[in-house]
Amino acid sequence: MVSMYKWQRIKALHAQGVGIRQIARDVGVSRNTVRKYLKEAGPPQFKAREYTKELDKFLEEIKVMLAKGYIGTRIYKELKDKGYQGSLASVHRYLRAIKEDDRT
């Protein structure tokens, strides 16, 4: 996917009557890429990647541990025993997010 700048440059050069081959050379992309972006009506759409957190697998267990009064370090140790490979800091961030969600 080309940047917004390159997309605008492709459109501008084409509007000036510059050929596809020359546009490809100037912008530094293939002729097929130039053709592809000339066909599209709007700018390229960037979609943020969705991440899944490793701790989501343990959410129910974490909630039970919180209900029992466990603190972050203890929860971390319990999760490590169950196969969690992340860091203590990640557990603390996750717990903070859970507590904020519960408040709202």
C-alpha atoms as a PDB file:
ATOM      1  CA  MET A   1       0.000   0.000   0.000  1.00  0.00           C
ATOM      2  CA  VAL A   2       1.387   3.407  -0.948  1.00  0.00           C
ATOM      3  CA  SER A   3       1.425   6.387   1.376  1.00  0.00           C
ATOM      4  CA  MET A   4      -1.102   9.184   1.129  1.00  0.00           C
ATOM      5  CA  TYR A   5       1.621  11.419  -0.316  1.00  0.00           C
ATOM      6  CA  LYS A   6       2.424   8.950  -3.094  1.00  0.00           C
ATOM      7  CA  TRP A   7      -1.271   8.485  -3.878  1.00  0.00           C
ATOM      8  CA  GLN A   8      -1.734  12.256  -4.204  1.00  0.00           C
ATOM      9  CA  ARG A   9       1.395  12.530  -6.334  1.00  0.00           C
ATOM     10  CA  ILE A  10       0.165   9.765  -8.662  1.00  0.00           C
ATOM     11  CA  LYS A  11      -3.192  11.529  -9.083  1.00  0.00           C
ATOM     12  CA  ALA A  12      -1.561  14.941  -9.623  1.00  0.00           C
ATOM     13  CA  LEU A  13       0.929  13.700 -12.210  1.00  0.00           C
ATOM     14  CA  HIS A  14      -1.804  11.848 -14.069  1.00  0.00           C
ATOM     15  CA  ALA A  15      -3.963  14.992 -14.094  1.00  0.00           C
ATOM     16  CA  GLN A  16      -1.013  16.841 -15.669  1.00  0.00           C
ATOM     17  CA  GLY A  17      -0.953  14.288 -18.477  1.00  0.00           C
ATOM     18  CA  VAL A  18       2.169  12.405 -17.403  1.00  0.00           C
ATOM     19  CA  GLY A  19       2.255   8.788 -18.616  1.00  0.00           C
ATOM     20  CA  ILE A  20       1.943   5.782 -16.340  1.00  0.00           C
ATOM     21  CA  ARG A  21       5.517   4.647 -16.957  1.00  0.00           C
ATOM     22  CA  GLN A  22       6.920   8.067 -16.050  1.00  0.00           C
ATOM     23  CA  ILE A  23       4.684   8.310 -12.961  1.00  0.00           C
ATOM     24  CA  ALA A  24       5.941   4.902 -11.824  1.00  0.00           C
ATOM     25  CA  ARG A  25       9.550   6.065 -12.206  1.00  0.00           C
ATOM     26  CA  ASP A  26       8.968   9.392 -10.442  1.00  0.00           C
ATOM     27  CA  VAL A  27       7.045   7.932  -7.512  1.00  0.00           C
ATOM     28  CA  GLY A  28       9.084   4.732  -7.205  1.00  0.00           C
ATOM     29  CA  VAL A  29       6.308   2.170  -7.602  1.00  0.00           C
ATOM     30  CA  SER A  30       5.393  -0.333 -10.288  1.00  0.00           C
ATOM     31  CA  ARG A  31       3.188   0.554 -13.264  1.00  0.00           C
ATOM     32  CA  ASN A  32       0.572  -1.867 -11.953  1.00  0.00           C
ATOM     33  CA  THR A  33       0.479   0.031  -8.667  1.00  0.00           C
ATOM     34  CA  VAL A  34       0.021   3.307 -10.547  1.00  0.00           C
ATOM     35  CA  ARG A  35      -2.874   1.804 -12.532  1.00  0.00           C
ATOM     36  CA  LYS A  36      -4.433   0.397  -9.370  1.00  0.00           C
ATOM     37  CA  TYR A  37      -4.435   3.746  -7.584  1.00  0.00           C
ATOM     38  CA  LEU A  38      -5.675   5.624 -10.645  1.00  0.00           C
ATOM     39  CA  LYS A  39      -8.725   3.323 -10.741  1.00  0.00           C
ATOM     40  CA  GLU A  40      -9.606   3.959  -7.102  1.00  0.00           C
ATOM     41  CA  ALA A  41     -11.938   6.857  -6.389  1.00  0.00           C
ATOM     42  CA  GLY A  42     -10.601   7.732  -2.954  1.00  0.00           C
ATOM     43  CA  PRO A  43      -7.323   7.622  -1.073  1.00  0.00           C
ATOM     44  CA  PRO A  44      -6.001   4.319   0.270  1.00  0.00           C
ATOM     45  CA  GLN A  45      -7.717   3.194   3.447  1.00  0.00           C
ATOM     46  CA  PHE A  46      -5.469   2.246   6.315  1.00  0.00           C
ATOM     47  CA  LYS A  47      -6.887  -0.275   8.727  1.00  0.00           C
ATOM     48  CA  ALA A  48      -5.398  -0.680  12.159  1.00  0.00           C
ATOM     49  CA  ARG A  49      -4.413  -4.189  13.037  1.00  0.00           C
ATOM     50  CA  GLU A  50      -6.450  -5.766  15.780  1.00  0.00           C
ATOM     51  CA  TYR A  51      -4.440  -7.322  18.538  1.00  0.00           C
ATOM     52  CA  THR A  52      -5.597  -9.975  20.941  1.00  0.00           C
ATOM     53  CA  LYS A  53      -4.081  -9.942  24.364  1.00  0.00           C
ATOM     54  CA  GLU A  54      -2.634 -13.136  25.734  1.00  0.00           C
ATOM     55  CA  LEU A  55      -4.275 -12.318  29.058  1.00  0.00           C
ATOM     56  CA  ASP A  56      -7.759 -12.392  27.496  1.00  0.00           C
ATOM     57  CA  LYS A  57      -7.539 -16.193  27.682  1.00  0.00           C
ATOM     58  CA  PHE A  58      -7.295 -15.937  31.459  1.00  0.00           C
ATOM     59  CA  LEU A  59      -9.947 -13.252  32.022  1.00  0.00           C
ATOM     60  CA  GLU A  60     -12.416 -15.380  33.983  1.00  0.00           C
ATOM     61  CA  GLU A  61      -9.666 -16.810  36.167  1.00  0.00           C
ATOM     62  CA  ILE A  62      -8.302 -13.316  36.799  1.00  0.00           C
ATOM     63  CA  LYS A  63     -11.732 -12.068  37.859  1.00  0.00           C
ATOM     64  CA  VAL A  64     -12.056 -14.965  40.305  1.00  0.00           C
ATOM     65  CA  MET A  65      -8.612 -14.196  41.736  1.00  0.00           C
ATOM     66  CA  LEU A  66      -9.496 -10.513  42.100  1.00  0.00           C
ATOM     67  CA  ALA A  67     -12.701 -11.465  43.910  1.00  0.00           C
ATOM     68  CA  LYS A  68     -10.592 -13.533  46.311  1.00  0.00           C
ATOM     69  CA  GLY A  69      -8.464 -10.446  47.003  1.00  0.00           C
ATOM     70  CA  TYR A  70      -5.302 -11.507  45.172  1.00  0.00           C
ATOM     71  CA  ILE A  71      -2.865  -8.727  44.281  1.00  0.00           C
ATOM     72  CA  GLY A  72      -1.130  -8.347  40.918  1.00  0.00           C
ATOM     73  CA  THR A  73       2.045 -10.209  41.819  1.00  0.00           C
ATOM     74  CA  ARG A  74       0.137 -13.203  43.142  1.00  0.00           C
ATOM     75  CA  ILE A  75      -2.101 -13.261  40.060  1.00  0.00           C
ATOM     76  CA  TYR A  76       1.028 -13.121  37.894  1.00  0.00           C
ATOM     77  CA  LYS A  77       2.541 -16.129  39.685  1.00  0.00           C
ATOM     78  CA  GLU A  78      -0.690 -18.115  39.349  1.00  0.00           C
ATOM     79  CA  LEU A  79      -0.891 -17.313  35.636  1.00  0.00           C
ATOM     80  CA  LYS A  80       2.753 -18.287  35.127  1.00  0.00           C
ATOM     81  CA  ASP A  81       1.935 -21.694  36.597  1.00  0.00           C
ATOM     82  CA  LYS A  82      -0.889 -21.992  34.044  1.00  0.00           C
ATOM     83  CA  GLY A  83       1.336 -21.195  31.064  1.00  0.00           C
ATOM     84  CA  TYR A  84       1.277 -17.399  30.786  1.00  0.00           C
ATOM     85  CA  GLN A  85       4.490 -16.143  29.181  1.00  0.00           C
ATOM     86  CA  GLY A  86       4.093 -12.371  29.510  1.00  0.00           C
ATOM     87  CA  SER A  87       5.557  -9.951  31.996  1.00  0.00           C
ATOM     88  CA  LEU A  88       4.461  -8.755  35.412  1.00  0.00           C
ATOM     89  CA  ALA A  89       4.083  -5.219  34.023  1.00  0.00           C
ATOM     90  CA  SER A  90       1.644  -6.521  31.401  1.00  0.00           C
ATOM     91  CA  VAL A  91      -0.431  -8.158  34.125  1.00  0.00           C
ATOM     92  CA  HIS A  92      -0.502  -4.904  36.107  1.00  0.00           C
ATOM     93  CA  ARG A  93      -1.618  -2.929  33.017  1.00  0.00           C
ATOM     94  CA  TYR A  94      -4.298  -5.512  32.279  1.00  0.00           C
ATOM     95  CA  LEU A  95      -5.560  -5.443  35.872  1.00  0.00           C
ATOM     96  CA  ARG A  96      -5.700  -1.648  35.794  1.00  0.00           C
ATOM     97  CA  ALA A  97      -7.781  -1.789  32.590  1.00  0.00           C
ATOM     98  CA  ILE A  98     -10.146  -4.380  34.103  1.00  0.00           C
ATOM     99  CA  LYS A  99     -10.646  -2.264  37.212  1.00  0.00           C
ATOM    100  CA  GLU A 100     -11.344   0.848  35.112  1.00  0.00           C
ATOM    101  CA  ASP A 101     -13.894  -1.076  33.025  1.00  0.00           C
ATOM    102  CA  ASP A 102     -15.640  -2.261  36.174  1.00  0.00           C
ATOM    103  CA  ARG A 103     -15.958   1.328  37.431  1.00  0.00           C
ATOM    104  CA  THR A 104     -17.695   2.559  34.284  1.00  0.00           C
END
